[in-house]
C-alpha atoms as a PDB file:
ATOM      1  CA  MET A   1      24.244  35.606  -8.159  1.00  0.00           C
ATOM      2  CA  GLU A   2      24.426  31.891  -7.536  1.00  0.00           C
ATOM      3  CA  ILE A   3      21.747  32.208  -5.416  1.00  0.00           C
ATOM      4  CA  PHE A   4      19.299  33.690  -7.833  1.00  0.00           C
ATOM      5  CA  LYS A   5      20.342  31.424 -10.785  1.00  0.00           C
ATOM      6  CA  THR A   6      19.502  28.681  -8.471  1.00  0.00           C
ATOM      7  CA  LEU A   7      16.138  30.242  -7.490  1.00  0.00           C
ATOM      8  CA  LYS A   8      15.504  30.863 -11.229  1.00  0.00           C
ATOM      9  CA  PHE A   9      16.068  27.247 -11.974  1.00  0.00           C
ATOM     10  CA  LEU A  10      13.686  26.097  -9.269  1.00  0.00           C
ATOM     11  CA  THR A  11      11.189  28.404 -10.561  1.00  0.00           C
ATOM     12  CA  ILE A  12      11.342  26.980 -13.913  1.00  0.00           C
ATOM     13  CA  VAL A  13      11.219  23.369 -12.493  1.00  0.00           C
ATOM     14  CA  LEU A  14       8.319  24.109 -10.425  1.00  0.00           C
ATOM     15  CA  LEU A  15       6.357  25.692 -13.294  1.00  0.00           C
ATOM     16  CA  ALA A  16       7.328  22.756 -15.533  1.00  0.00           C
ATOM     17  CA  PHE A  17       6.072  20.392 -12.730  1.00  0.00           C
ATOM     18  CA  PHE A  18       2.688  22.255 -12.490  1.00  0.00           C
ATOM     19  CA  VAL A  19       2.287  22.384 -16.176  1.00  0.00           C
ATOM     20  CA  VAL A  20       2.642  18.706 -16.349  1.00  0.00           C
ATOM     21  CA  ILE A  21       0.319  17.894 -13.761  1.00  0.00           C
ATOM     22  CA  TYR A  22      -2.325  20.325 -15.284  1.00  0.00           C
ATOM     23  CA  VAL A  23      -1.820  18.600 -18.531  1.00  0.00           C
ATOM     24  CA  LEU A  24      -2.218  15.147 -17.037  1.00  0.00           C
ATOM     25  CA  LEU A  25      -5.441  16.134 -15.343  1.00  0.00           C
ATOM     26  CA  ILE A  26      -7.209  17.773 -18.031  1.00  0.00           C
ATOM     27  CA  SER A  27      -6.070  14.616 -20.365  1.00  0.00           C
ATOM     28  CA  TYR A  28      -7.800  12.431 -17.910  1.00  0.00           C
ATOM     29  CA  VAL A  29     -11.069  14.385 -17.654  1.00  0.00           C
ATOM     30  CA  TYR A  30     -11.104  14.848 -21.506  1.00  0.00           C
ATOM     31  CA  PHE A  31     -10.800  10.923 -22.042  1.00  0.00           C
ATOM     32  CA  ASN A  32     -13.105  10.112 -19.127  1.00  0.00           C
ATOM     33  CA  GLN A  33     -15.648  12.767 -19.325  1.00  0.00           C
ATOM     34  CA  VAL A  34     -18.417  10.472 -20.765  1.00  0.00           C
ATOM     35  CA  GLY A  35     -18.250   8.142 -17.669  1.00  0.00           C
ATOM     36  CA  MET A  36     -17.912  10.833 -15.410  1.00  0.00           C
ATOM     37  CA  ILE A  37     -21.162  12.272 -16.564  1.00  0.00           C
ATOM     38  CA  PHE A  38     -23.235   8.948 -17.483  1.00  0.00           C
ATOM     39  CA  GLN A  39     -23.159   6.230 -15.196  1.00  0.00           C
ATOM     40  CA  SER A  40     -24.319   3.570 -17.821  1.00  0.00           C
ATOM     41  CA  THR A  41     -25.219   0.112 -16.504  1.00  0.00           C
ATOM     42  CA  ALA A  42     -25.873  -2.719 -19.249  1.00  0.00           C
ATOM     43  CA  LEU A  43     -28.394  -5.258 -19.043  1.00  0.00           C
ATOM     44  CA  PRO A  44     -28.274  -9.050 -20.983  1.00  0.00           C
ATOM     45  CA  LYS A  45     -30.017  -8.725 -24.209  1.00  0.00           C
ATOM     46  CA  ASP A  46     -32.275 -11.617 -23.299  1.00  0.00           C
ATOM     47  CA  HIS A  47     -33.306  -9.610 -20.087  1.00  0.00           C
ATOM     48  CA  GLN A  48     -37.071  -9.733 -19.439  1.00  0.00           C
ATOM     49  CA  PHE A  49     -38.575  -6.641 -17.847  1.00  0.00           C
ATOM     50  CA  VAL A  50     -41.337  -7.448 -15.248  1.00  0.00           C
ATOM     51  CA  TYR A  51     -43.755  -4.665 -14.309  1.00  0.00           C
ATOM     52  CA  GLU A  52     -47.480  -5.122 -13.401  1.00  0.00           C
ATOM     53  CA  SER A  53     -48.288  -2.218 -15.788  1.00  0.00           C
ATOM     54  CA  LYS A  54     -49.077  -3.094 -19.401  1.00  0.00           C
ATOM     55  CA  PHE A  55     -46.091  -2.437 -21.685  1.00  0.00           C
ATOM     56  CA  GLU A  56     -44.467  -2.723 -24.913  1.00  0.00           C
ATOM     57  CA  GLU A  57     -40.857  -3.244 -25.432  1.00  0.00           C
ATOM     58  CA  LEU A  58     -39.385  -1.121 -28.328  1.00  0.00           C
ATOM     59  CA  ASN A  59     -36.326  -1.482 -30.391  1.00  0.00           C
ATOM     60  CA  ILE A  60     -35.337   1.572 -32.314  1.00  0.00           C
ATOM     61  CA  LYS A  61     -32.691   1.792 -35.014  1.00  0.00           C
ATOM     62  CA  SER A  62     -30.805   5.233 -34.454  1.00  0.00           C
ATOM     63  CA  TYR A  63     -29.407   7.260 -37.255  1.00  0.00           C
ATOM     64  CA  ASP A  64     -26.207   4.967 -37.676  1.00  0.00           C
ATOM     65  CA  GLY A  65     -27.888   1.679 -37.105  1.00  0.00           C
ATOM     66  CA  VAL A  66     -27.460   1.414 -33.311  1.00  0.00           C
ATOM     67  CA  ASN A  67     -30.365  -0.398 -31.494  1.00  0.00           C
ATOM     68  CA  LEU A  68     -31.810   1.819 -28.865  1.00  0.00           C
ATOM     69  CA  ASN A  69     -34.301   0.115 -26.423  1.00  0.00           C
ATOM     70  CA  GLY A  70     -37.290   1.663 -24.624  1.00  0.00           C
ATOM     71  CA  LEU A  71     -40.231   0.682 -22.913  1.00  0.00           C
ATOM     72  CA  LEU A  72     -44.229   2.121 -23.634  1.00  0.00           C
ATOM     73  CA  PHE A  73     -46.333   1.872 -20.957  1.00  0.00           C
ATOM     74  CA  LYS A  74     -49.890   2.152 -21.463  1.00  0.00           C
ATOM     75  CA  ALA A  75     -52.895   3.642 -19.681  1.00  0.00           C
ATOM     76  CA  GLU A  76     -56.503   2.530 -20.099  1.00  0.00           C
ATOM     77  CA  ASN A  77     -58.210   4.990 -22.588  1.00  0.00           C
ATOM     78  CA  SER A  78     -55.032   6.819 -23.119  1.00  0.00           C
ATOM     79  CA  LYS A  79     -55.135  10.648 -23.492  1.00  0.00           C
ATOM     80  CA  GLY A  80     -51.870  11.029 -25.055  1.00  0.00           C
ATOM     81  CA  LEU A  81     -48.096  10.168 -24.290  1.00  0.00           C
ATOM     82  CA  VAL A  82     -45.238  11.394 -22.221  1.00  0.00           C
ATOM     83  CA  PHE A  83     -41.876  10.916 -23.831  1.00  0.00           C
ATOM     84  CA  TYR A  84     -39.497  10.573 -21.022  1.00  0.00           C
ATOM     85  CA  LEU A  85     -35.849  11.126 -20.721  1.00  0.00           C
ATOM     86  CA  HIS A  86     -34.419   9.714 -17.459  1.00  0.00           C
ATOM     87  CA  GLY A  87     -31.399  10.726 -15.392  1.00  0.00           C
ATOM     88  CA  ASN A  88     -27.696   9.939 -15.778  1.00  0.00           C
ATOM     89  CA  ALA A  89     -27.958   6.520 -13.915  1.00  0.00           C
ATOM     90  CA  GLY A  90     -30.379   3.541 -13.765  1.00  0.00           C
ATOM     91  CA  THR A  91     -31.850   1.781 -16.572  1.00  0.00           C
ATOM     92  CA  LEU A  92     -35.375   0.719 -17.672  1.00  0.00           C
ATOM     93  CA  ASP A  93     -35.089  -1.914 -15.134  1.00  0.00           C
ATOM     94  CA  THR A  94     -35.542   0.677 -12.236  1.00  0.00           C
ATOM     95  CA  TRP A  95     -36.797   3.720 -14.175  1.00  0.00           C
ATOM     96  CA  GLY A  96     -39.835   1.723 -15.158  1.00  0.00           C
ATOM     97  CA  LYS A  97     -41.390   2.050 -11.696  1.00  0.00           C
ATOM     98  CA  ILE A  98     -42.105   5.513 -12.319  1.00  0.00           C
ATOM     99  CA  SER A  99     -44.714   4.337 -15.009  1.00  0.00           C
ATOM    100  CA  LYS A 100     -47.803   3.991 -12.851  1.00  0.00           C
ATOM    101  CA  ILE A 101     -47.543   7.461 -11.760  1.00  0.00           C
ATOM    102  CA  TYR A 102     -48.322   8.873 -15.207  1.00  0.00           C
ATOM    103  CA  THR A 103     -50.495   5.650 -16.591  1.00  0.00           C
ATOM    104  CA  ASN A 104     -52.894   6.121 -13.575  1.00  0.00           C
ATOM    105  CA  LEU A 105     -53.334   9.901 -14.748  1.00  0.00           C
ATOM    106  CA  GLY A 106     -54.438   8.531 -18.264  1.00  0.00           C
ATOM    107  CA  TYR A 107     -51.030   9.005 -19.912  1.00  0.00           C
ATOM    108  CA  ASP A 108     -48.996   6.306 -21.940  1.00  0.00           C
ATOM    109  CA  ILE A 109     -45.351   6.822 -20.993  1.00  0.00           C
ATOM    110  CA  PHE A 110     -42.333   5.994 -23.216  1.00  0.00           C
ATOM    111  CA  ILE A 111     -38.903   5.846 -21.419  1.00  0.00           C
ATOM    112  CA  LEU A 112     -35.782   5.543 -23.317  1.00  0.00           C
ATOM    113  CA  ASP A 113     -32.523   4.036 -22.329  1.00  0.00           C
ATOM    114  CA  TYR A 114     -29.606   5.901 -23.866  1.00  0.00           C
ATOM    115  CA  ARG A 115     -26.646   4.252 -25.488  1.00  0.00           C
ATOM    116  CA  GLY A 116     -24.777   1.738 -23.379  1.00  0.00           C
ATOM    117  CA  PHE A 117     -27.713   1.748 -20.727  1.00  0.00           C
ATOM    118  CA  GLY A 118     -29.791  -1.205 -20.252  1.00  0.00           C
ATOM    119  CA  LYS A 119     -30.385  -3.174 -23.566  1.00  0.00           C
ATOM    120  CA  SER A 120     -29.403  -0.347 -25.811  1.00  0.00           C
ATOM    121  CA  GLU A 121     -26.323  -0.919 -27.874  1.00  0.00           C
ATOM    122  CA  GLY A 122     -23.234   1.253 -28.333  1.00  0.00           C
ATOM    123  CA  GLU A 123     -21.682   3.884 -26.047  1.00  0.00           C
ATOM    124  CA  ILE A 124     -22.299   7.646 -25.693  1.00  0.00           C
ATOM    125  CA  GLU A 125     -19.611   9.742 -27.225  1.00  0.00           C
ATOM    126  CA  ASN A 126     -20.698  13.228 -27.516  1.00  0.00           C
ATOM    127  CA  GLU A 127     -23.693  15.438 -27.281  1.00  0.00           C
ATOM    128  CA  ASP A 128     -24.473  15.805 -31.080  1.00  0.00           C
ATOM    129  CA  GLN A 129     -25.041  11.871 -31.174  1.00  0.00           C
ATOM    130  CA  LEU A 130     -27.048  11.723 -27.948  1.00  0.00           C
ATOM    131  CA  ASN A 131     -29.431  14.366 -29.462  1.00  0.00           C
ATOM    132  CA  LYS A 132     -29.811  12.497 -32.736  1.00  0.00           C
ATOM    133  CA  ASP A 133     -30.712   9.348 -30.712  1.00  0.00           C
ATOM    134  CA  VAL A 134     -33.291  11.218 -28.699  1.00  0.00           C
ATOM    135  CA  ALA A 135     -34.808  12.686 -32.080  1.00  0.00           C
ATOM    136  CA  THR A 136     -34.759   9.521 -33.684  1.00  0.00           C
ATOM    137  CA  ALA A 137     -36.835   7.929 -30.919  1.00  0.00           C
ATOM    138  CA  TYR A 138     -39.121  10.826 -30.861  1.00  0.00           C
ATOM    139  CA  LYS A 139     -39.806  10.707 -34.369  1.00  0.00           C
ATOM    140  CA  THR A 140     -40.673   6.800 -34.044  1.00  0.00           C
ATOM    141  CA  LEU A 141     -43.185   7.606 -31.389  1.00  0.00           C
ATOM    142  CA  SER A 142     -44.541  10.711 -33.095  1.00  0.00           C
ATOM    143  CA  ILE A 143     -45.978   8.324 -35.644  1.00  0.00           C
ATOM    144  CA  ARG A 144     -48.155   6.723 -32.994  1.00  0.00           C
ATOM    145  CA  TYR A 145     -49.068   9.781 -31.365  1.00  0.00           C
ATOM    146  CA  PRO A 146     -50.065  13.267 -32.718  1.00  0.00           C
ATOM    147  CA  GLU A 147     -47.665  16.003 -31.283  1.00  0.00           C
ATOM    148  CA  ASN A 148     -50.371  17.744 -29.797  1.00  0.00           C
ATOM    149  CA  LYS A 149     -50.854  14.728 -27.467  1.00  0.00           C
ATOM    150  CA  ILE A 150     -47.073  14.537 -26.550  1.00  0.00           C
ATOM    151  CA  ILE A 151     -45.644  15.954 -23.486  1.00  0.00           C
ATOM    152  CA  ILE A 152     -41.914  16.080 -23.604  1.00  0.00           C
ATOM    153  CA  ALA A 153     -40.334  15.285 -19.998  1.00  0.00           C
ATOM    154  CA  GLY A 154     -36.732  15.213 -18.943  1.00  0.00           C
ATOM    155  CA  TYR A 155     -35.074  14.455 -15.412  1.00  0.00           C
ATOM    156  CA  SER A 156     -31.635  16.105 -14.468  1.00  0.00           C
ATOM    157  CA  ILE A 157     -29.299  15.096 -17.336  1.00  0.00           C
ATOM    158  CA  GLY A 158     -32.287  14.522 -19.407  1.00  0.00           C
ATOM    159  CA  SER A 159     -33.813  17.888 -18.792  1.00  0.00           C
ATOM    160  CA  GLY A 160     -31.415  19.587 -21.367  1.00  0.00           C
ATOM    161  CA  LEU A 161     -31.781  16.864 -24.078  1.00  0.00           C
ATOM    162  CA  ALA A 162     -35.702  17.567 -23.508  1.00  0.00           C
ATOM    163  CA  ALA A 163     -35.501  21.012 -23.775  1.00  0.00           C
ATOM    164  CA  LEU A 164     -33.544  21.189 -27.211  1.00  0.00           C
ATOM    165  CA  LEU A 165     -36.008  18.279 -28.391  1.00  0.00           C
ATOM    166  CA  ALA A 166     -39.027  20.614 -27.715  1.00  0.00           C
ATOM    167  CA  SER A 167     -37.426  23.593 -29.322  1.00  0.00           C
ATOM    168  CA  GLU A 168     -37.277  21.543 -32.583  1.00  0.00           C
ATOM    169  CA  ASN A 169     -40.473  20.096 -32.404  1.00  0.00           C
ATOM    170  CA  LYS A 170     -44.240  21.093 -31.396  1.00  0.00           C
ATOM    171  CA  PRO A 171     -45.161  18.991 -28.396  1.00  0.00           C
ATOM    172  CA  LYS A 172     -48.157  19.839 -26.120  1.00  0.00           C
ATOM    173  CA  ALA A 173     -46.138  20.710 -23.175  1.00  0.00           C
ATOM    174  CA  LEU A 174     -42.275  20.301 -21.610  1.00  0.00           C
ATOM    175  CA  LEU A 175     -41.850  19.152 -18.305  1.00  0.00           C
ATOM    176  CA  LEU A 176     -38.556  19.660 -16.672  1.00  0.00           C
ATOM    177  CA  GLN A 177     -37.563  18.031 -13.242  1.00  0.00           C
ATOM    178  CA  SER A 178     -34.484  19.327 -11.452  1.00  0.00           C
ATOM    179  CA  PRO A 179     -32.978  20.958 -14.654  1.00  0.00           C
ATOM    180  CA  TYR A 180     -29.513  22.772 -14.894  1.00  0.00           C
ATOM    181  CA  PHE A 181     -29.371  26.342 -16.629  1.00  0.00           C
ATOM    182  CA  SER A 182     -26.359  25.288 -18.569  1.00  0.00           C
ATOM    183  CA  PHE A 183     -24.614  21.728 -18.159  1.00  0.00           C
ATOM    184  CA  THR A 184     -21.190  23.874 -19.175  1.00  0.00           C
ATOM    185  CA  GLU A 185     -21.827  26.056 -16.379  1.00  0.00           C
ATOM    186  CA  LEU A 186     -22.787  23.052 -13.988  1.00  0.00           C
ATOM    187  CA  SER A 187     -19.756  21.038 -15.046  1.00  0.00           C
ATOM    188  CA  GLY A 188     -17.428  24.044 -14.657  1.00  0.00           C
ATOM    189  CA  SER A 189     -18.477  24.150 -10.910  1.00  0.00           C
ATOM    190  CA  ARG A 190     -17.286  20.498 -10.692  1.00  0.00           C
ATOM    191  CA  VAL A 191     -13.966  20.820 -12.601  1.00  0.00           C
ATOM    192  CA  PRO A 192     -13.049  24.584 -12.705  1.00  0.00           C
ATOM    193  CA  PHE A 193      -9.735  23.812 -14.448  1.00  0.00           C
ATOM    194  CA  PHE A 194     -11.121  21.968 -17.397  1.00  0.00           C
ATOM    195  CA  PRO A 195     -11.655  24.139 -20.284  1.00  0.00           C
ATOM    196  CA  ASN A 196     -15.119  24.702 -22.044  1.00  0.00           C
ATOM    197  CA  PHE A 197     -13.882  24.221 -25.447  1.00  0.00           C
ATOM    198  CA  MET A 198     -12.753  20.364 -24.473  1.00  0.00           C
ATOM    199  CA  LYS A 199     -16.185  19.569 -22.956  1.00  0.00           C
ATOM    200  CA  LYS A 200     -18.275  17.046 -25.086  1.00  0.00           C
ATOM    201  CA  PHE A 201     -21.440  18.069 -23.451  1.00  0.00           C
ATOM    202  CA  HIS A 202     -22.703  21.765 -23.037  1.00  0.00           C
ATOM    203  CA  LEU A 203     -26.697  21.225 -22.873  1.00  0.00           C
ATOM    204  CA  GLU A 204     -27.420  25.066 -22.911  1.00  0.00           C
ATOM    205  CA  THR A 205     -30.942  24.777 -21.537  1.00  0.00           C
ATOM    206  CA  PHE A 206     -31.320  28.401 -21.099  1.00  0.00           C
ATOM    207  CA  ARG A 207     -30.699  28.791 -24.946  1.00  0.00           C
ATOM    208  CA  TYR A 208     -33.299  26.157 -25.771  1.00  0.00           C
ATOM    209  CA  ILE A 209     -36.103  26.903 -23.555  1.00  0.00           C
ATOM    210  CA  THR A 210     -36.895  30.306 -25.023  1.00  0.00           C
ATOM    211  CA  LYS A 211     -37.495  28.685 -28.376  1.00  0.00           C
ATOM    212  CA  VAL A 212     -40.186  26.353 -27.100  1.00  0.00           C
ATOM    213  CA  LYS A 213     -43.444  27.320 -28.112  1.00  0.00           C
ATOM    214  CA  ALA A 214     -45.492  25.130 -25.767  1.00  0.00           C
ATOM    215  CA  PRO A 215     -46.215  25.697 -22.017  1.00  0.00           C
ATOM    216  CA  ILE A 216     -43.286  24.718 -19.699  1.00  0.00           C
ATOM    217  CA  TYR A 217     -43.746  23.205 -16.171  1.00  0.00           C
ATOM    218  CA  ILE A 218     -40.328  23.334 -14.219  1.00  0.00           C
ATOM    219  CA  PHE A 219     -39.899  21.314 -11.080  1.00  0.00           C
ATOM    220  CA  HIS A 220     -37.126  21.488  -8.662  1.00  0.00           C
ATOM    221  CA  GLY A 221     -36.513  20.555  -5.000  1.00  0.00           C
ATOM    222  CA  VAL A 222     -35.576  23.119  -2.426  1.00  0.00           C
ATOM    223  CA  ASP A 223     -32.926  20.678  -0.886  1.00  0.00           C
ATOM    224  CA  ASP A 224     -31.508  19.567  -4.230  1.00  0.00           C
ATOM    225  CA  GLN A 225     -27.420  19.640  -3.408  1.00  0.00           C
ATOM    226  CA  LEU A 226     -26.466  18.357  -6.859  1.00  0.00           C
ATOM    227  CA  ILE A 227     -28.044  20.864  -9.037  1.00  0.00           C
ATOM    228  CA  SER A 228     -29.164  23.859  -7.010  1.00  0.00           C
ATOM    229  CA  CYS A 229     -32.633  24.913  -7.075  1.00  0.00           C
ATOM    230  CA  SER A 230     -31.132  28.377  -8.370  1.00  0.00           C
ATOM    231  CA  ASN A 231     -30.922  26.688 -11.938  1.00  0.00           C
ATOM    232  CA  SER A 232     -34.789  26.413 -12.222  1.00  0.00           C
ATOM    233  CA  VAL A 233     -35.255  30.057 -10.804  1.00  0.00           C
ATOM    234  CA  ARG A 234     -32.986  31.388 -13.433  1.00  0.00           C
ATOM    235  CA  LEU A 235     -34.481  29.253 -16.246  1.00  0.00           C
ATOM    236  CA  ASN A 236     -38.097  30.792 -15.116  1.00  0.00           C
ATOM    237  CA  LYS A 237     -37.080  34.192 -15.387  1.00  0.00           C
ATOM    238  CA  LEU A 238     -36.301  33.577 -19.086  1.00  0.00           C
ATOM    239  CA  LEU A 239     -40.000  32.611 -19.516  1.00  0.00           C
ATOM    240  CA  ASP A 240     -43.037  34.764 -19.843  1.00  0.00           C
ATOM    241  CA  PHE A 241     -46.566  33.121 -19.851  1.00  0.00           C
ATOM    242  CA  LYS A 242     -45.398  29.745 -20.949  1.00  0.00           C
ATOM    243  CA  GLY A 243     -43.316  29.043 -17.699  1.00  0.00           C
ATOM    244  CA  HIS A 244     -44.866  27.455 -14.540  1.00  0.00           C
ATOM    245  CA  PHE A 245     -42.199  26.961 -11.843  1.00  0.00           C
ATOM    246  CA  TYR A 246     -42.752  24.778  -8.659  1.00  0.00           C
ATOM    247  CA  ALA A 247     -40.110  24.505  -5.866  1.00  0.00           C
ATOM    248  CA  LEU A 248     -40.852  21.506  -3.865  1.00  0.00           C
ATOM    249  CA  LYS A 249     -40.003  21.819  -0.146  1.00  0.00           C
ATOM    250  CA  GLY A 250     -38.022  18.995   1.563  1.00  0.00           C
ATOM    251  CA  GLN A 251     -37.277  17.541  -2.046  1.00  0.00           C
ATOM    252  CA  ASP A 252     -33.607  16.498  -2.958  1.00  0.00           C
ATOM    253  CA  HIS A 253     -32.301  15.367  -6.160  1.00  0.00           C
ATOM    254  CA  ILE A 254     -33.548  11.978  -6.344  1.00  0.00           C
ATOM    255  CA  GLY A 255     -37.195  10.456  -6.242  1.00  0.00           C
ATOM    256  CA  MET A 256     -38.930  13.576  -7.353  1.00  0.00           C
ATOM    257  CA  ASN A 257     -41.620  11.227  -9.185  1.00  0.00           C
ATOM    258  CA  GLU A 258     -42.719   9.917  -5.764  1.00  0.00           C
ATOM    259  CA  ASN A 259     -43.170  13.219  -4.374  1.00  0.00           C
ATOM    260  CA  GLU A 260     -46.771  13.892  -3.563  1.00  0.00           C
ATOM    261  CA  GLU A 261     -46.798  17.595  -4.384  1.00  0.00           C
ATOM    262  CA  PHE A 262     -45.342  16.876  -7.482  1.00  0.00           C
ATOM    263  CA  GLN A 263     -47.905  14.362  -8.311  1.00  0.00           C
ATOM    264  CA  ASP A 264     -50.732  16.808  -7.147  1.00  0.00           C
ATOM    265  CA  ARG A 265     -49.184  19.117  -9.544  1.00  0.00           C
ATOM    266  CA  LEU A 266     -48.896  16.650 -12.340  1.00  0.00           C
ATOM    267  CA  LYS A 267     -52.455  15.594 -12.175  1.00  0.00           C
ATOM    268  CA  THR A 268     -53.447  19.156 -12.739  1.00  0.00           C
ATOM    269  CA  ILE A 269     -51.241  19.441 -15.499  1.00  0.00           C
ATOM    270  CA  LEU A 270     -52.107  16.050 -17.329  1.00  0.00           C
ATOM    271  CA  GLU A 271     -55.845  16.561 -16.717  1.00  0.00           C
END
C-alpha cells in the first residue's frame, strides 16, 4: 500500500510540475507574442532616406494620435497607386528599394512602416490597432488617388492586412505575395501548445478574400519554407473569376519583388 501511495504522490507532483511549466510557457508566449511576430527596428526621427527615385515622406496621424511614417514614390505620368504593406521585418530604409520595380511600370507606390518600425511612433499591441492604422493610412492616400486607380498589395504578414483592407474598400485590385490562409493556423503550427483565444493576431485571410470585389492576384514561391505555397493554393480555391494564382518556381520566402517571373506578371497586371 505504501508503494501505491508513494506512486500516487509522485504522479501528482509530476502533474503539478508539468502544469506549472505549461503555465509558464503560455505566459511567456502571451506577453512576448508581438515581438515574436513583428521584428521591428526603429530609425532616428532625423533619419534621411536616400533613394534615386523621386519620393515624398508622409507623416500620418492615426486614430489615436500616433504618428505613422510612410514613403510615397512617384512615377512619371502615374497611372495610379500601389498601396503596399510590407513584411514583419525591415523598415522603409530597406523596403524602399522595391519602389523602382513599380514606378518603372508607371505606378506610384506608398509603403507604410507599422508602429515601432522605422520612424513610426508607438508599439504594436494587437490586430485591431494595426488594422485601424492601415485603414487610416489608406483613407489618407485615397484623398489623393481615386479608389479605382489604387491597387492594395501585401507581402507575408502584410497580406492578411491587405486582404481585410481590400474587403472593406473598393480598390482596383488586390495583390498578395506569400500569403497565409489563416495566421491563427500558421502560428498554431509554430506554437501548437498556445491556445487560440490568447492570440492577439488571427488575420483570417480566407474570410476576407471572399468579400473582395476586385480581381485578386496571388503569388507564392514554390520553395517557400516559412509560409508553405499550399496556403495560396487553398486561398485560390475559394475564388472564382476574381482569382489569379501564380506559383513561382525556385522562389523562397524572401525577395519575391526581384523575381523575374513575378516582374513579368506584374507588368501585365499593371498595364
